[in-house]
Amino acid sequence: MRASRLVSLLLLLQTRGRMTAAELARELEVSERTIYRDVDALSAAGVPIYAERGPLGGVQLVEGYRTRLTGMTAEEAEALFLSGVPGPAAQLGLGTVVAAAQLKVRAALPGELRARASRLIERFHLDTTGWFRPGEEVAHLTAIAQGVWDARRLHLAYDRGDKLVERTVEPLGLVLKGGVWYLVARVEDQIRTYRASRIVSVDSLDETFERPEGFDLVSWWLESTAAYERGQQRLEITIRVDPDHSGWLTWALGEDGMATAERLTDPDPEGWLRLRARVLWPEDAAGRLLALGGAVQVLDPPQLRDELVALARAALLRHGEIPELSAGADARGGRPPDQPAAAAPG
């Protein structure tokens, strides 16, 4: 505790210059007598610090003295400040801790690095929440985080979707992915993942636990998510898309589908794009493609075409009568894309 206070005292003087013993005592929440003892301790350790008593007195460092973070490069300083995400830290109850740590590091940096770190904070902001998603409310995140810190068992009520279940878990870590918090916990010798927003209640038990030997949260999470993605069903589809609406494809196919999409070289009479892609969540594919309206046509598989048509018919029925469409006409009321136009009457 005292070592931390000595560092804080040193950095306060470094950033603010001369301060009275009373000011330092208020900042560090100790007595003035303790401040004078700390000044003596720093001086004995070789720090050029001195105190002057009297109305104009105070505590200060010898002019020009600065502590340094030995060996830190400009890039390392920038990365350190970029890593302090204020939103998630505040959710964990660590917002003030992160701010205080950044203040201390900034004070200890040499002038040039301190200026670069300040510019980084002014010009870059990391927002982990997606568009039109205000972020999930996690009512018990602080209590969960405390259980993780203390290695203390927690009794949870968890909304599984179909029913509410109760579990006694050993919380091993918290992970923030795509703006969503997940609890990684051991339950009956199995490590499982719980979506934190679905935890209805948390009771901290008077029981601590030993973490699994060799458990590494980052490695486990990467392996777990990779296995989850490999296990998901994928549907291979072939579509043609109006190039003017191709910007919607990432939303319709997903980032994974777009990353693996193959552009086909078959000629298209309207100059549309022809793509073959594998998409996650087959049950959502028709609905997502339907959102593109007449700007997309499913060529394969037939069951996806049928599902898309059924959804379109259901939407039309919900909003009124289905208009008469000629057999084979495209969604915009024109001819099928691969059928030539009829000759004009002579």
Protein backbone atom coordinates (compact mmCIF):
# COMPACT_ATOMS: atom_id res chain seq x y z
CA MET A 1 0.00 0.00 0.00
CA ARG A 2 2.77 2.44 0.93
CA ALA A 3 4.74 1.71 -2.25
CA SER A 4 1.69 2.59 -4.33
CA ARG A 5 1.24 5.82 -2.36
CA LEU A 6 4.87 6.79 -2.86
CA VAL A 7 4.52 6.34 -6.62
CA SER A 8 1.31 8.39 -6.62
CA LEU A 9 2.99 11.16 -4.63
CA LEU A 10 5.92 11.22 -7.02
CA LEU A 11 3.69 11.37 -10.10
CA LEU A 12 1.48 14.08 -8.63
CA LEU A 13 4.51 16.29 -8.12
CA GLN A 14 5.78 15.46 -11.58
CA THR A 15 2.54 16.45 -13.30
CA ARG A 16 1.50 19.41 -11.14
CA GLY A 17 4.75 20.81 -9.82
CA ARG A 18 4.99 22.21 -6.28
CA MET A 19 2.16 21.15 -3.96
CA THR A 20 1.61 21.82 -0.29
CA ALA A 21 1.63 18.98 2.21
CA ALA A 22 -2.06 19.69 2.86
CA GLU A 23 -2.91 19.34 -0.86
CA LEU A 24 -0.99 16.08 -1.12
CA ALA A 25 -2.64 14.78 2.05
CA ARG A 26 -6.09 15.48 0.58
CA GLU A 27 -5.23 13.81 -2.74
CA LEU A 28 -3.77 10.71 -1.11
CA GLU A 29 -6.21 10.60 1.82
CA VAL A 30 -3.52 10.54 4.52
CA SER A 31 -2.27 12.94 7.17
CA GLU A 32 0.29 15.70 6.55
CA ARG A 33 2.65 13.92 8.92
CA THR A 34 2.47 10.84 6.66
CA ILE A 35 3.29 13.03 3.65
CA TYR A 36 6.44 14.32 5.32
CA ARG A 37 7.47 10.76 6.21
CA ASP A 38 6.92 9.71 2.58
CA VAL A 39 9.02 12.64 1.36
CA ASP A 40 11.85 11.52 3.66
CA ALA A 41 11.53 7.96 2.34
CA LEU A 42 11.73 9.09 -1.30
CA SER A 43 14.69 11.30 -0.54
CA ALA A 44 16.48 8.43 1.19
CA ALA A 45 15.86 6.32 -1.91
CA GLY A 46 17.70 8.85 -4.07
CA VAL A 47 14.75 10.81 -5.47
CA PRO A 48 15.63 14.55 -5.65
CA ILE A 49 12.65 15.76 -3.61
CA TYR A 50 12.49 18.34 -0.89
CA ALA A 51 9.98 20.12 1.33
CA GLU A 52 9.92 23.75 2.43
CA ARG A 53 7.83 24.78 5.42
CA GLY A 54 6.01 28.08 5.82
CA PRO A 55 3.17 29.93 4.06
CA LEU A 56 4.96 29.83 0.68
CA GLY A 57 6.46 26.41 1.20
CA GLY A 58 5.55 23.09 -0.31
CA VAL A 59 6.88 19.81 -1.63
CA GLN A 60 8.51 19.59 -5.03
CA LEU A 61 11.01 17.75 -7.17
CA VAL A 62 14.30 19.23 -8.32
CA GLU A 63 13.61 21.05 -11.59
CA GLY A 64 14.13 18.83 -14.62
CA TYR A 65 13.77 15.51 -12.77
CA ARG A 66 11.35 13.04 -14.31
CA THR A 67 10.70 9.37 -13.83
CA ARG A 68 10.75 7.30 -17.01
CA LEU A 69 9.22 4.05 -18.17
CA THR A 70 12.48 2.45 -19.23
CA GLY A 71 12.54 1.08 -22.75
CA MET A 72 8.97 2.07 -23.74
CA THR A 73 8.71 3.04 -27.41
CA ALA A 74 6.28 5.50 -28.96
CA GLU A 75 4.28 2.65 -30.48
CA GLU A 76 4.08 0.84 -27.13
CA ALA A 77 2.83 3.99 -25.39
CA GLU A 78 0.15 4.52 -28.06
CA ALA A 79 -0.99 0.89 -27.87
CA LEU A 80 -1.19 1.11 -24.07
CA PHE A 81 -3.55 4.09 -24.19
CA LEU A 82 -5.63 2.63 -27.02
CA SER A 83 -6.17 -0.53 -24.95
CA GLY A 84 -7.97 1.37 -22.20
CA VAL A 85 -11.59 0.95 -23.39
CA PRO A 86 -13.60 3.21 -21.05
CA GLY A 87 -17.06 1.70 -21.66
CA PRO A 88 -16.27 -1.94 -20.78
CA ALA A 89 -14.01 -0.84 -17.92
CA ALA A 90 -16.83 1.21 -16.45
CA GLN A 91 -19.22 -1.75 -16.77
CA LEU A 92 -16.79 -3.80 -14.71
CA GLY A 93 -16.57 -1.07 -12.12
CA LEU A 94 -13.00 -0.20 -13.18
CA GLY A 95 -13.59 3.07 -15.02
CA THR A 96 -11.85 5.24 -12.42
CA VAL A 97 -9.05 2.67 -12.06
CA VAL A 98 -8.29 2.77 -15.81
CA ALA A 99 -8.37 6.57 -15.81
CA ALA A 100 -6.01 6.73 -12.83
CA ALA A 101 -3.63 4.22 -14.40
CA GLN A 102 -3.51 6.20 -17.64
CA LEU A 103 -2.83 9.39 -15.70
CA LYS A 104 0.09 7.77 -13.90
CA VAL A 105 1.56 6.31 -17.07
CA ARG A 106 1.16 9.60 -18.93
CA ALA A 107 2.92 11.44 -16.12
CA ALA A 108 5.83 9.00 -16.20
CA LEU A 109 6.33 9.21 -19.95
CA PRO A 110 8.99 11.46 -21.46
CA GLY A 111 7.61 14.64 -23.05
CA GLU A 112 7.53 13.39 -26.65
CA LEU A 113 5.80 10.12 -25.79
CA ARG A 114 3.37 11.89 -23.49
CA ALA A 115 2.37 14.22 -26.33
CA ARG A 116 1.83 11.29 -28.71
CA ALA A 117 -0.29 9.44 -26.16
CA SER A 118 -2.41 12.56 -25.62
CA ARG A 119 -2.94 12.92 -29.38
CA LEU A 120 -4.03 9.31 -29.56
CA ILE A 121 -6.72 9.85 -26.91
CA GLU A 122 -7.91 12.98 -28.71
CA ARG A 123 -8.09 11.39 -32.17
CA PHE A 124 -9.05 7.73 -31.74
CA HIS A 125 -12.06 6.20 -30.04
CA LEU A 126 -12.95 2.52 -29.85
CA ASP A 127 -16.71 1.79 -29.84
CA THR A 128 -17.39 -1.92 -29.38
CA THR A 129 -21.16 -1.72 -29.93
CA GLY A 130 -22.72 -2.38 -33.34
CA TRP A 131 -24.95 0.08 -35.20
CA PHE A 132 -28.48 0.51 -33.83
CA ARG A 133 -27.52 -1.66 -30.88
CA PRO A 134 -27.39 0.31 -27.63
CA GLY A 135 -25.61 -2.59 -25.94
CA GLU A 136 -26.99 -5.18 -23.60
CA GLU A 137 -27.90 -4.26 -20.07
CA VAL A 138 -26.02 -6.59 -17.73
CA ALA A 139 -27.53 -6.00 -14.33
CA HIS A 140 -25.11 -8.17 -12.35
CA LEU A 141 -21.83 -7.65 -14.21
CA THR A 142 -20.04 -6.04 -11.27
CA ALA A 143 -21.01 -8.89 -8.93
CA ILE A 144 -19.90 -11.45 -11.52
CA ALA A 145 -16.60 -9.65 -12.01
CA GLN A 146 -16.03 -9.62 -8.25
CA GLY A 147 -16.54 -13.37 -8.18
CA VAL A 148 -13.96 -13.74 -10.95
CA TRP A 149 -11.47 -11.55 -9.06
CA ASP A 150 -11.95 -13.34 -5.75
CA ALA A 151 -12.18 -16.88 -7.20
CA ARG A 152 -15.43 -17.24 -5.28
CA ARG A 153 -18.27 -19.58 -6.23
CA LEU A 154 -21.47 -17.96 -7.45
CA HIS A 155 -25.04 -19.23 -7.42
CA LEU A 156 -26.80 -18.08 -10.61
CA ALA A 157 -30.36 -18.02 -11.87
CA TYR A 158 -29.99 -18.23 -15.66
CA ASP A 159 -32.61 -17.66 -18.35
CA ARG A 160 -31.86 -20.42 -20.83
CA GLY A 161 -34.61 -19.34 -23.18
CA ASP A 162 -36.96 -22.26 -22.65
CA LYS A 163 -36.81 -22.13 -18.84
CA LEU A 164 -35.04 -20.62 -15.83
CA VAL A 165 -32.31 -22.81 -14.37
CA GLU A 166 -30.10 -22.48 -11.29
CA ARG A 167 -26.40 -23.25 -11.29
CA THR A 168 -23.54 -23.03 -8.81
CA VAL A 169 -20.50 -22.07 -10.86
CA GLU A 170 -16.82 -21.31 -10.47
CA PRO A 171 -16.31 -18.10 -12.47
CA LEU A 172 -13.06 -18.26 -14.44
CA GLY A 173 -13.29 -15.17 -16.62
CA LEU A 174 -15.34 -12.59 -18.49
CA VAL A 175 -15.12 -12.03 -22.24
CA LEU A 176 -16.49 -9.10 -24.25
CA LYS A 177 -17.26 -10.10 -27.85
CA GLY A 178 -19.13 -7.87 -30.28
CA GLY A 179 -20.46 -5.73 -27.42
CA VAL A 180 -21.80 -8.79 -25.57
CA TRP A 181 -20.39 -10.02 -22.24
CA TYR A 182 -19.93 -13.75 -21.64
CA LEU A 183 -19.08 -15.54 -18.39
CA VAL A 184 -16.72 -18.51 -18.68
CA ALA A 185 -17.25 -20.78 -15.68
CA ARG A 186 -16.60 -24.31 -14.48
CA VAL A 187 -19.69 -26.36 -13.63
CA GLU A 188 -19.33 -29.96 -12.47
CA ASP A 189 -15.84 -30.28 -13.99
CA GLN A 190 -17.01 -28.84 -17.31
CA ILE A 191 -16.15 -25.37 -18.58
CA ARG A 192 -19.17 -23.61 -20.05
CA THR A 193 -20.11 -20.21 -21.43
CA TYR A 194 -23.03 -18.10 -20.19
CA ARG A 195 -24.37 -14.95 -21.80
CA ALA A 196 -24.12 -12.45 -18.95
CA SER A 197 -27.27 -10.53 -19.86
CA ARG A 198 -29.32 -13.70 -19.29
CA ILE A 199 -28.15 -14.05 -15.70
CA VAL A 200 -31.22 -13.07 -13.68
CA SER A 201 -29.67 -13.13 -10.21
CA VAL A 202 -26.26 -13.67 -8.58
CA ASP A 203 -25.47 -14.78 -5.05
CA SER A 204 -21.86 -14.81 -3.91
CA LEU A 205 -21.13 -17.86 -1.75
CA ASP A 206 -18.68 -18.14 1.12
CA GLU A 207 -16.67 -20.68 -0.86
CA THR A 208 -13.53 -20.08 -2.85
CA PHE A 209 -12.08 -22.43 -5.45
CA GLU A 210 -8.80 -23.26 -7.12
CA ARG A 211 -8.58 -22.36 -10.80
CA PRO A 212 -7.87 -25.28 -13.15
CA GLU A 213 -4.13 -25.77 -13.45
CA GLY A 214 -2.82 -24.33 -16.69
CA PHE A 215 -6.14 -22.73 -17.67
CA ASP A 216 -5.62 -19.79 -20.05
CA LEU A 217 -8.76 -17.76 -20.74
CA VAL A 218 -7.64 -16.33 -24.09
CA SER A 219 -6.53 -19.69 -25.50
CA TRP A 220 -9.66 -21.44 -24.25
CA TRP A 221 -11.93 -18.77 -25.74
CA LEU A 222 -10.23 -18.88 -29.14
CA GLU A 223 -10.44 -22.66 -29.28
CA SER A 224 -14.04 -22.67 -28.04
CA THR A 225 -15.30 -20.09 -30.54
CA ALA A 226 -13.44 -21.77 -33.41
CA ALA A 227 -15.03 -25.12 -32.52
CA TYR A 228 -18.45 -23.45 -32.27
CA GLU A 229 -18.09 -21.86 -35.71
CA ARG A 230 -16.89 -25.13 -37.24
CA GLY A 231 -19.91 -26.91 -35.80
CA GLN A 232 -22.44 -24.50 -37.29
CA GLN A 233 -24.39 -25.63 -40.34
CA ARG A 234 -23.60 -23.87 -43.61
CA LEU A 235 -25.76 -23.66 -46.70
CA GLU A 236 -24.18 -23.37 -50.14
CA ILE A 237 -26.16 -21.01 -52.35
CA THR A 238 -25.86 -19.58 -55.85
CA ILE A 239 -27.38 -16.17 -56.49
CA ARG A 240 -27.36 -13.33 -59.00
CA VAL A 241 -27.37 -9.76 -57.70
CA ASP A 242 -27.93 -6.33 -59.19
CA PRO A 243 -24.50 -4.63 -58.90
CA ASP A 244 -26.18 -1.41 -57.76
CA HIS A 245 -27.38 -3.23 -54.63
CA SER A 246 -24.28 -5.33 -53.94
CA GLY A 247 -23.48 -3.27 -50.86
CA TRP A 248 -26.27 -5.08 -49.01
CA LEU A 249 -24.66 -8.46 -49.56
CA THR A 250 -22.47 -8.36 -46.46
CA TRP A 251 -25.58 -7.98 -44.31
CA ALA A 252 -27.48 -10.66 -46.24
CA LEU A 253 -24.71 -13.24 -46.42
CA GLY A 254 -22.75 -12.34 -43.28
CA GLU A 255 -19.08 -11.47 -43.11
CA ASP A 256 -18.09 -15.14 -43.22
CA GLY A 257 -20.26 -15.73 -46.30
CA MET A 258 -18.80 -12.73 -48.10
CA ALA A 259 -15.24 -13.70 -47.20
CA THR A 260 -15.66 -17.12 -48.80
CA ALA A 261 -17.91 -16.09 -51.71
CA GLU A 262 -16.81 -17.08 -55.20
CA ARG A 263 -17.67 -14.90 -58.19
CA LEU A 264 -18.85 -17.00 -61.13
CA THR A 265 -17.77 -16.14 -64.66
CA ASP A 266 -20.99 -17.27 -66.37
CA PRO A 267 -22.24 -14.49 -68.68
CA ASP A 268 -25.31 -12.65 -67.42
CA PRO A 269 -27.67 -10.94 -69.90
CA GLU A 270 -28.26 -8.02 -67.49
CA GLY A 271 -24.70 -7.70 -66.28
CA TRP A 272 -25.61 -8.88 -62.78
CA LEU A 273 -23.12 -10.50 -60.43
CA ARG A 274 -23.30 -14.28 -60.05
CA LEU A 275 -21.96 -15.61 -56.76
CA ARG A 276 -21.59 -18.93 -54.99
CA ALA A 277 -21.34 -18.63 -51.22
CA ARG A 278 -21.65 -20.66 -48.04
CA VAL A 279 -23.76 -18.95 -45.40
CA LEU A 280 -24.26 -19.58 -41.71
CA TRP A 281 -27.72 -19.88 -40.19
CA PRO A 282 -29.54 -21.57 -43.14
CA GLU A 283 -32.87 -20.85 -41.45
CA ASP A 284 -32.25 -17.09 -41.82
CA ALA A 285 -30.98 -17.11 -45.42
CA ALA A 286 -34.35 -16.66 -47.17
CA GLY A 287 -35.41 -13.80 -44.92
CA ARG A 288 -32.14 -11.95 -45.34
CA LEU A 289 -32.14 -12.35 -49.13
CA LEU A 290 -35.78 -11.28 -49.30
CA ALA A 291 -34.72 -7.94 -47.82
CA LEU A 292 -32.93 -7.21 -51.12
CA GLY A 293 -36.26 -7.42 -52.92
CA GLY A 294 -36.00 -7.63 -56.70
CA ALA A 295 -32.26 -6.96 -56.61
CA VAL A 296 -31.44 -10.62 -55.97
CA GLN A 297 -32.43 -13.95 -57.51
CA VAL A 298 -31.71 -17.34 -55.96
CA LEU A 299 -30.50 -19.84 -58.54
CA ASP A 300 -29.72 -22.71 -56.19
CA PRO A 301 -30.72 -24.62 -54.08
CA PRO A 302 -34.38 -25.07 -55.09
CA GLN A 303 -35.60 -25.34 -51.48
CA LEU A 304 -34.18 -21.89 -50.70
CA ARG A 305 -36.01 -20.47 -53.73
CA ASP A 306 -39.23 -22.07 -52.52
CA GLU A 307 -38.77 -20.71 -49.01
CA LEU A 308 -38.08 -17.20 -50.29
CA VAL A 309 -41.19 -17.29 -52.53
CA ALA A 310 -43.29 -18.55 -49.61
CA LEU A 311 -42.08 -15.67 -47.43
CA ALA A 312 -42.82 -13.15 -50.17
CA ARG A 313 -46.33 -14.56 -50.70
CA ALA A 314 -47.01 -14.49 -46.97
CA ALA A 315 -45.95 -10.82 -46.83
CA LEU A 316 -48.21 -9.95 -49.77
CA LEU A 317 -51.14 -11.78 -48.22
CA ARG A 318 -50.59 -9.94 -44.97
CA HIS A 319 -50.74 -6.59 -46.78
CA GLY A 320 -53.44 -7.34 -49.36
CA GLU A 321 -54.20 -9.48 -52.38
CA ILE A 322 -51.41 -11.07 -54.40
CA PRO A 323 -51.16 -9.32 -57.78
CA GLU A 324 -51.37 -11.40 -60.90
CA LEU A 325 -47.90 -12.30 -62.15
CA SER A 326 -47.15 -13.97 -65.43
CA ALA A 327 -45.51 -17.37 -65.09
CA GLY A 328 -41.75 -17.02 -64.79
CA ALA A 329 -41.76 -13.23 -64.47
CA ASP A 330 -39.07 -11.77 -62.27
CA ALA A 331 -39.78 -9.99 -58.99
CA ARG A 332 -39.93 -6.60 -60.73
CA GLY A 333 -42.67 -7.71 -63.11
CA GLY A 334 -40.37 -8.06 -66.13
CA ARG A 335 -39.22 -11.03 -68.11
CA PRO A 336 -37.06 -13.81 -66.66
CA PRO A 337 -33.40 -12.78 -66.88
CA ASP A 338 -32.41 -15.64 -69.17
CA GLN A 339 -35.41 -15.32 -71.52
CA PRO A 340 -35.14 -13.06 -74.59
CA ALA A 341 -37.72 -10.33 -75.10
CA ALA A 342 -40.57 -11.11 -77.46
CA ALA A 343 -40.28 -9.60 -80.92
CA ALA A 344 -42.21 -6.40 -81.31
CA PRO A 345 -45.27 -6.69 -83.58
CA GLY A 346 -44.63 -5.63 -87.11
